[in-house]
Amino acid sequence: MIAQFTEFAAAHPLLFIAFFGLLGALVWTFFGPAGGSRKVTPIAATRLINDEDAVVVDVRGDSEFNEGHVVNALHIPMNYLKERMDKLEKYRNRTIIPICRNGQQSAVASATLRKHGFEKVFNVSGGIVAWREANLPLVKK
């Protein structure tokens, strides 16, 4: 089998490189700095909010936040998350749900929170876009 693998790699170097490139990207997605986050659907997030008194942390900018956000969400824009970590300290033992527009920034926020010792952190798959698509309520300031 190893001989066949070596023969294939020698005969098709571009396919061989592409395969390992894709494999590396897949591994990076799951275990990289923003990957490996525990994801929840918007419906599952509402269950965490209702059943576990989870804290929603909206990491979008001011204008997006003011267009509509989850009820009682804390607003800490992603750019200020590290320096405002003390604002979240009182919620250390509660479930925290970062949310952004589409789930990418909040995945980074989730990783940052875990690096700072927060254990129960869940990222909303699809962010506010998915929240709206699920017809869940948003409030405006």
N, C-alpha and C. Protein backbone atom coordinates (compact mmCIF):
# COMPACT_ATOMS: atom_id res chain seq x y z
N MET A 1 0.82 -1.19 0.00
CA MET A 1 0.00 0.00 0.00
C MET A 1 0.87 1.26 0.00
N ILE A 2 1.94 1.25 0.78
CA ILE A 2 2.83 2.40 0.82
C ILE A 2 3.48 2.61 -0.55
N ALA A 3 3.80 1.51 -1.23
CA ALA A 3 4.39 1.62 -2.56
C ALA A 3 3.42 2.28 -3.53
N GLN A 4 2.12 1.95 -3.43
CA GLN A 4 1.12 2.57 -4.29
C GLN A 4 0.97 4.06 -3.98
N PHE A 5 1.01 4.39 -2.71
CA PHE A 5 0.89 5.78 -2.29
C PHE A 5 2.07 6.60 -2.82
N THR A 6 3.27 6.05 -2.69
CA THR A 6 4.48 6.72 -3.19
C THR A 6 4.42 6.87 -4.71
N GLU A 7 3.98 5.83 -5.37
CA GLU A 7 3.85 5.87 -6.84
C GLU A 7 2.84 6.95 -7.25
N PHE A 8 1.71 7.01 -6.55
CA PHE A 8 0.69 8.02 -6.86
C PHE A 8 1.25 9.43 -6.64
N ALA A 9 1.96 9.64 -5.52
CA ALA A 9 2.52 10.95 -5.22
C ALA A 9 3.53 11.38 -6.28
N ALA A 10 4.34 10.42 -6.77
CA ALA A 10 5.33 10.73 -7.80
C ALA A 10 4.68 11.03 -9.14
N ALA A 11 3.60 10.31 -9.45
CA ALA A 11 2.92 10.49 -10.74
C ALA A 11 2.01 11.71 -10.75
N HIS A 12 1.49 12.13 -9.59
CA HIS A 12 0.53 13.24 -9.52
C HIS A 12 0.89 14.20 -8.40
N PRO A 13 2.01 14.91 -8.55
CA PRO A 13 2.45 15.77 -7.44
C PRO A 13 1.46 16.89 -7.10
N LEU A 14 0.77 17.45 -8.09
CA LEU A 14 -0.18 18.52 -7.80
C LEU A 14 -1.38 18.01 -7.00
N LEU A 15 -1.88 16.85 -7.35
CA LEU A 15 -2.98 16.27 -6.58
C LEU A 15 -2.53 15.93 -5.16
N PHE A 16 -1.32 15.44 -5.04
CA PHE A 16 -0.77 15.11 -3.74
C PHE A 16 -0.66 16.35 -2.86
N ILE A 17 -0.14 17.44 -3.41
CA ILE A 17 -0.02 18.70 -2.67
C ILE A 17 -1.40 19.26 -2.33
N ALA A 18 -2.33 19.20 -3.29
CA ALA A 18 -3.68 19.70 -3.04
C ALA A 18 -4.36 18.92 -1.92
N PHE A 19 -4.20 17.61 -1.92
CA PHE A 19 -4.79 16.78 -0.89
C PHE A 19 -4.30 17.18 0.50
N PHE A 20 -2.99 17.31 0.66
CA PHE A 20 -2.46 17.66 1.97
C PHE A 20 -2.75 19.11 2.33
N GLY A 21 -2.86 19.97 1.33
CA GLY A 21 -3.27 21.35 1.60
C GLY A 21 -4.68 21.41 2.16
N LEU A 22 -5.59 20.66 1.53
CA LEU A 22 -6.97 20.61 2.03
C LEU A 22 -7.05 19.94 3.39
N LEU A 23 -6.28 18.89 3.58
CA LEU A 23 -6.25 18.22 4.88
C LEU A 23 -5.75 19.18 5.97
N GLY A 24 -4.72 19.94 5.66
CA GLY A 24 -4.19 20.92 6.61
C GLY A 24 -5.21 22.01 6.92
N ALA A 25 -5.93 22.48 5.89
CA ALA A 25 -6.96 23.50 6.11
C ALA A 25 -8.08 22.97 6.98
N LEU A 26 -8.45 21.72 6.78
CA LEU A 26 -9.49 21.11 7.60
C LEU A 26 -9.05 21.00 9.06
N VAL A 27 -7.85 20.57 9.28
CA VAL A 27 -7.32 20.46 10.64
C VAL A 27 -7.25 21.85 11.28
N TRP A 28 -6.81 22.85 10.53
CA TRP A 28 -6.71 24.23 11.04
C TRP A 28 -8.09 24.76 11.42
N THR A 29 -9.11 24.42 10.62
CA THR A 29 -10.47 24.89 10.91
C THR A 29 -10.95 24.36 12.25
N PHE A 30 -10.65 23.12 12.55
CA PHE A 30 -11.13 22.54 13.79
C PHE A 30 -10.26 22.83 14.99
N PHE A 31 -8.95 22.99 14.79
CA PHE A 31 -8.05 23.12 15.92
C PHE A 31 -7.25 24.42 15.94
N GLY A 32 -7.46 25.29 14.96
CA GLY A 32 -6.74 26.56 14.90
C GLY A 32 -7.21 27.52 15.97
N PRO A 33 -6.69 28.77 15.97
CA PRO A 33 -7.00 29.72 17.03
C PRO A 33 -8.48 30.03 17.17
N ALA A 34 -9.23 30.10 16.08
CA ALA A 34 -10.66 30.40 16.19
C ALA A 34 -11.49 29.15 16.03
N GLY A 35 -10.86 28.05 15.71
CA GLY A 35 -11.62 26.82 15.49
C GLY A 35 -11.82 26.04 16.76
N GLY A 36 -12.51 24.95 16.62
CA GLY A 36 -12.74 24.11 17.78
C GLY A 36 -13.75 24.70 18.75
N SER A 37 -14.38 25.79 18.34
CA SER A 37 -15.35 26.38 19.25
C SER A 37 -16.61 25.54 19.28
N ARG A 38 -17.22 25.52 20.43
CA ARG A 38 -18.47 24.81 20.56
C ARG A 38 -19.56 25.68 19.96
N LYS A 39 -20.23 25.15 18.96
CA LYS A 39 -21.24 25.91 18.25
C LYS A 39 -22.63 25.48 18.68
N VAL A 40 -23.55 26.43 18.66
CA VAL A 40 -24.95 26.15 18.93
C VAL A 40 -25.79 26.86 17.88
N THR A 41 -26.95 26.30 17.62
CA THR A 41 -27.90 26.97 16.73
C THR A 41 -28.55 28.11 17.50
N PRO A 42 -29.20 29.03 16.81
CA PRO A 42 -29.91 30.08 17.53
C PRO A 42 -30.96 29.54 18.51
N ILE A 43 -31.67 28.48 18.11
CA ILE A 43 -32.68 27.89 18.99
C ILE A 43 -32.01 27.31 20.24
N ALA A 44 -30.90 26.61 20.06
CA ALA A 44 -30.17 26.05 21.21
C ALA A 44 -29.64 27.18 22.10
N ALA A 45 -29.24 28.29 21.50
CA ALA A 45 -28.77 29.44 22.28
C ALA A 45 -29.90 29.99 23.16
N THR A 46 -31.11 30.06 22.62
CA THR A 46 -32.23 30.55 23.43
C THR A 46 -32.51 29.61 24.60
N ARG A 47 -32.31 28.32 24.38
CA ARG A 47 -32.48 27.37 25.49
C ARG A 47 -31.43 27.62 26.59
N LEU A 48 -30.19 27.88 26.17
CA LEU A 48 -29.14 28.18 27.14
C LEU A 48 -29.45 29.48 27.89
N ILE A 49 -29.98 30.46 27.18
CA ILE A 49 -30.34 31.74 27.81
C ILE A 49 -31.45 31.51 28.83
N ASN A 50 -32.47 30.77 28.45
CA ASN A 50 -33.63 30.55 29.32
C ASN A 50 -33.36 29.57 30.45
N ASP A 51 -32.65 28.48 30.16
CA ASP A 51 -32.47 27.42 31.14
C ASP A 51 -31.25 27.61 32.04
N GLU A 52 -30.19 28.22 31.49
CA GLU A 52 -28.95 28.36 32.25
C GLU A 52 -28.59 29.81 32.55
N ASP A 53 -29.49 30.73 32.22
CA ASP A 53 -29.24 32.15 32.42
C ASP A 53 -27.94 32.59 31.74
N ALA A 54 -27.75 32.09 30.51
CA ALA A 54 -26.54 32.40 29.74
C ALA A 54 -26.48 33.90 29.43
N VAL A 55 -25.27 34.39 29.30
CA VAL A 55 -25.01 35.79 28.99
C VAL A 55 -24.62 35.89 27.53
N VAL A 56 -25.35 36.71 26.77
CA VAL A 56 -25.02 36.94 25.37
C VAL A 56 -24.10 38.15 25.28
N VAL A 57 -22.99 37.98 24.58
CA VAL A 57 -22.03 39.07 24.38
C VAL A 57 -21.98 39.37 22.89
N ASP A 58 -22.51 40.52 22.52
CA ASP A 58 -22.54 40.93 21.11
C ASP A 58 -21.23 41.65 20.80
N VAL A 59 -20.45 41.09 19.88
CA VAL A 59 -19.13 41.64 19.57
C VAL A 59 -19.11 42.49 18.29
N ARG A 60 -20.28 42.83 17.78
CA ARG A 60 -20.35 43.67 16.58
C ARG A 60 -20.09 45.12 16.93
N GLY A 61 -19.90 45.93 15.92
CA GLY A 61 -19.70 47.36 16.11
C GLY A 61 -20.98 48.05 16.55
N ASP A 62 -20.85 49.31 16.93
CA ASP A 62 -21.98 50.08 17.45
C ASP A 62 -23.16 50.15 16.50
N SER A 63 -22.90 50.46 15.24
CA SER A 63 -24.01 50.65 14.30
C SER A 63 -24.78 49.35 14.08
N GLU A 64 -24.06 48.24 13.94
CA GLU A 64 -24.75 46.95 13.76
C GLU A 64 -25.53 46.58 15.02
N PHE A 65 -24.94 46.81 16.17
CA PHE A 65 -25.61 46.50 17.43
C PHE A 65 -26.91 47.29 17.56
N ASN A 66 -26.86 48.57 17.20
CA ASN A 66 -28.04 49.43 17.31
C ASN A 66 -29.13 49.09 16.29
N GLU A 67 -28.77 48.38 15.21
CA GLU A 67 -29.77 47.95 14.23
C GLU A 67 -30.65 46.83 14.77
N GLY A 68 -30.17 46.12 15.76
CA GLY A 68 -30.93 45.04 16.37
C GLY A 68 -30.01 44.05 17.05
N HIS A 69 -30.33 43.70 18.29
CA HIS A 69 -29.50 42.78 19.06
C HIS A 69 -30.38 41.90 19.94
N VAL A 70 -29.79 40.85 20.47
CA VAL A 70 -30.48 39.93 21.35
C VAL A 70 -30.83 40.67 22.64
N VAL A 71 -32.01 40.41 23.16
CA VAL A 71 -32.47 41.05 24.39
C VAL A 71 -31.45 40.84 25.51
N ASN A 72 -31.13 41.91 26.20
CA ASN A 72 -30.20 41.91 27.36
C ASN A 72 -28.76 41.54 27.00
N ALA A 73 -28.41 41.62 25.73
CA ALA A 73 -27.03 41.30 25.33
C ALA A 73 -26.08 42.39 25.83
N LEU A 74 -24.91 41.95 26.30
CA LEU A 74 -23.84 42.89 26.62
C LEU A 74 -23.17 43.28 25.31
N HIS A 75 -22.87 44.54 25.15
CA HIS A 75 -22.23 44.98 23.92
C HIS A 75 -20.76 45.27 24.20
N ILE A 76 -19.91 44.39 23.70
CA ILE A 76 -18.46 44.59 23.79
C ILE A 76 -17.90 44.32 22.41
N PRO A 77 -17.65 45.40 21.62
CA PRO A 77 -17.12 45.19 20.27
C PRO A 77 -15.83 44.37 20.30
N MET A 78 -15.65 43.56 19.29
CA MET A 78 -14.50 42.65 19.21
C MET A 78 -13.18 43.37 19.44
N ASN A 79 -13.05 44.58 18.91
CA ASN A 79 -11.80 45.34 19.05
C ASN A 79 -11.45 45.65 20.50
N TYR A 80 -12.46 45.63 21.39
CA TYR A 80 -12.25 45.98 22.79
C TYR A 80 -12.39 44.80 23.74
N LEU A 81 -12.58 43.61 23.21
CA LEU A 81 -12.86 42.46 24.06
C LEU A 81 -11.76 42.19 25.08
N LYS A 82 -10.52 42.16 24.64
CA LYS A 82 -9.42 41.84 25.56
C LYS A 82 -9.29 42.89 26.67
N GLU A 83 -9.43 44.15 26.32
CA GLU A 83 -9.26 45.20 27.33
C GLU A 83 -10.48 45.35 28.23
N ARG A 84 -11.62 44.80 27.83
CA ARG A 84 -12.83 44.88 28.66
C ARG A 84 -13.20 43.53 29.28
N MET A 85 -12.22 42.66 29.34
CA MET A 85 -12.45 41.33 29.91
C MET A 85 -12.94 41.42 31.35
N ASP A 86 -12.52 42.46 32.08
CA ASP A 86 -12.96 42.63 33.47
C ASP A 86 -14.47 42.81 33.58
N LYS A 87 -15.09 43.34 32.53
CA LYS A 87 -16.54 43.53 32.51
C LYS A 87 -17.26 42.17 32.53
N LEU A 88 -16.59 41.13 32.07
CA LEU A 88 -17.17 39.79 32.01
C LEU A 88 -16.81 38.93 33.22
N GLU A 89 -15.91 39.40 34.04
CA GLU A 89 -15.41 38.60 35.16
C GLU A 89 -16.53 38.11 36.07
N LYS A 90 -17.54 38.92 36.30
CA LYS A 90 -18.63 38.50 37.20
C LYS A 90 -19.49 37.39 36.59
N TYR A 91 -19.31 37.12 35.29
CA TYR A 91 -20.06 36.06 34.62
C TYR A 91 -19.23 34.80 34.39
N ARG A 92 -18.07 34.72 35.01
CA ARG A 92 -17.13 33.62 34.78
C ARG A 92 -17.75 32.24 34.95
N ASN A 93 -18.66 32.07 35.90
CA ASN A 93 -19.25 30.76 36.17
C ASN A 93 -20.54 30.52 35.40
N ARG A 94 -20.91 31.45 34.54
CA ARG A 94 -22.13 31.28 33.74
C ARG A 94 -21.76 30.94 32.30
N THR A 95 -22.74 30.46 31.58
CA THR A 95 -22.54 30.19 30.15
C THR A 95 -22.49 31.51 29.42
N ILE A 96 -21.51 31.65 28.53
CA ILE A 96 -21.37 32.88 27.75
C ILE A 96 -21.53 32.53 26.27
N ILE A 97 -22.32 33.36 25.59
CA ILE A 97 -22.61 33.14 24.17
C ILE A 97 -22.22 34.38 23.38
N PRO A 98 -21.00 34.42 22.83
CA PRO A 98 -20.65 35.53 21.94
C PRO A 98 -21.45 35.42 20.64
N ILE A 99 -21.82 36.56 20.09
CA ILE A 99 -22.55 36.57 18.82
C ILE A 99 -22.07 37.75 17.99
N CYS A 100 -22.04 37.55 16.68
CA CYS A 100 -21.67 38.61 15.75
C CYS A 100 -22.62 38.53 14.57
N ARG A 101 -22.23 39.12 13.46
CA ARG A 101 -23.10 39.14 12.29
C ARG A 101 -23.32 37.73 11.72
N ASN A 102 -22.21 37.00 11.48
CA ASN A 102 -22.34 35.70 10.81
C ASN A 102 -21.62 34.54 11.51
N GLY A 103 -21.06 34.77 12.66
CA GLY A 103 -20.43 33.70 13.43
C GLY A 103 -18.93 33.63 13.37
N GLN A 104 -18.29 34.42 12.51
CA GLN A 104 -16.84 34.35 12.38
C GLN A 104 -16.13 35.11 13.49
N GLN A 105 -16.53 36.36 13.71
CA GLN A 105 -15.91 37.16 14.78
C GLN A 105 -16.20 36.56 16.15
N SER A 106 -17.41 36.03 16.32
CA SER A 106 -17.74 35.45 17.62
C SER A 106 -16.97 34.15 17.86
N ALA A 107 -16.55 33.47 16.81
CA ALA A 107 -15.70 32.29 16.99
C ALA A 107 -14.34 32.71 17.56
N VAL A 108 -13.83 33.83 17.06
CA VAL A 108 -12.57 34.37 17.59
C VAL A 108 -12.78 34.82 19.03
N ALA A 109 -13.92 35.47 19.29
CA ALA A 109 -14.24 35.91 20.65
C ALA A 109 -14.33 34.71 21.60
N SER A 110 -14.94 33.62 21.13
CA SER A 110 -15.06 32.40 21.94
C SER A 110 -13.68 31.87 22.31
N ALA A 111 -12.78 31.83 21.35
CA ALA A 111 -11.42 31.36 21.61
C ALA A 111 -10.71 32.27 22.60
N THR A 112 -10.91 33.57 22.46
CA THR A 112 -10.29 34.54 23.37
C THR A 112 -10.81 34.33 24.79
N LEU A 113 -12.11 34.15 24.92
CA LEU A 113 -12.69 33.93 26.24
C LEU A 113 -12.16 32.65 26.88
N ARG A 114 -12.05 31.60 26.09
CA ARG A 114 -11.52 30.35 26.63
C ARG A 114 -10.06 30.50 27.06
N LYS A 115 -9.29 31.28 26.31
CA LYS A 115 -7.89 31.52 26.68
C LYS A 115 -7.80 32.28 28.00
N HIS A 116 -8.83 33.06 28.31
CA HIS A 116 -8.86 33.80 29.56
C HIS A 116 -9.57 33.03 30.68
N GLY A 117 -9.78 31.74 30.48
CA GLY A 117 -10.28 30.88 31.53
C GLY A 117 -11.78 30.69 31.61
N PHE A 118 -12.52 31.24 30.67
CA PHE A 118 -13.96 31.01 30.65
C PHE A 118 -14.20 29.64 30.02
N GLU A 119 -14.93 28.79 30.71
CA GLU A 119 -15.07 27.41 30.26
C GLU A 119 -16.35 27.14 29.47
N LYS A 120 -17.44 27.73 29.87
CA LYS A 120 -18.73 27.46 29.22
C LYS A 120 -19.01 28.55 28.19
N VAL A 121 -18.41 28.39 27.01
CA VAL A 121 -18.54 29.38 25.95
C VAL A 121 -19.07 28.69 24.70
N PHE A 122 -20.12 29.24 24.12
CA PHE A 122 -20.73 28.68 22.92
C PHE A 122 -20.91 29.77 21.88
N ASN A 123 -20.56 29.46 20.65
CA ASN A 123 -20.68 30.39 19.53
C ASN A 123 -21.95 30.08 18.74
N VAL A 124 -22.72 31.12 18.41
CA VAL A 124 -23.95 30.92 17.64
C VAL A 124 -23.60 30.73 16.16
N SER A 125 -23.88 29.57 15.63
CA SER A 125 -23.64 29.30 14.21
C SER A 125 -24.47 30.24 13.37
N GLY A 126 -23.82 30.98 12.50
CA GLY A 126 -24.52 31.89 11.61
C GLY A 126 -24.81 33.26 12.19
N GLY A 127 -24.52 33.46 13.47
CA GLY A 127 -24.66 34.76 14.11
C GLY A 127 -26.05 35.36 14.06
N ILE A 128 -26.10 36.69 14.02
CA ILE A 128 -27.37 37.42 13.99
C ILE A 128 -28.15 37.11 12.72
N VAL A 129 -27.44 36.84 11.63
CA VAL A 129 -28.12 36.48 10.38
C VAL A 129 -28.98 35.23 10.60
N ALA A 130 -28.41 34.21 11.21
CA ALA A 130 -29.16 32.98 11.49
C ALA A 130 -30.24 33.22 12.54
N TRP A 131 -29.96 34.11 13.49
CA TRP A 131 -30.93 34.46 14.53
C TRP A 131 -32.19 35.03 13.88
N ARG A 132 -31.97 35.97 12.94
CA ARG A 132 -33.11 36.57 12.22
C ARG A 132 -33.85 35.52 11.39
N GLU A 133 -33.09 34.67 10.70
CA GLU A 133 -33.72 33.63 9.87
C GLU A 133 -34.56 32.67 10.69
N ALA A 134 -34.21 32.50 11.97
CA ALA A 134 -34.99 31.63 12.86
C ALA A 134 -36.18 32.39 13.48
N ASN A 135 -36.36 33.63 13.04
CA ASN A 135 -37.46 34.48 13.53
C ASN A 135 -37.44 34.66 15.03
N LEU A 136 -36.24 34.80 15.58
CA LEU A 136 -36.10 35.06 17.00
C LEU A 136 -36.05 36.56 17.23
N PRO A 137 -36.48 37.02 18.41
CA PRO A 137 -36.60 38.46 18.63
C PRO A 137 -35.27 39.19 18.76
N LEU A 138 -35.27 40.40 18.24
CA LEU A 138 -34.16 41.34 18.40
C LEU A 138 -34.76 42.65 18.89
N VAL A 139 -33.98 43.39 19.65
CA VAL A 139 -34.43 44.71 20.09
C VAL A 139 -33.49 45.76 19.54
N LYS A 140 -33.99 46.99 19.45
CA LYS A 140 -33.18 48.12 18.98
C LYS A 140 -33.05 49.13 20.10
N LYS A 141 -31.91 49.78 20.13
CA LYS A 141 -31.69 50.82 21.13
C LYS A 141 -32.30 52.11 20.67
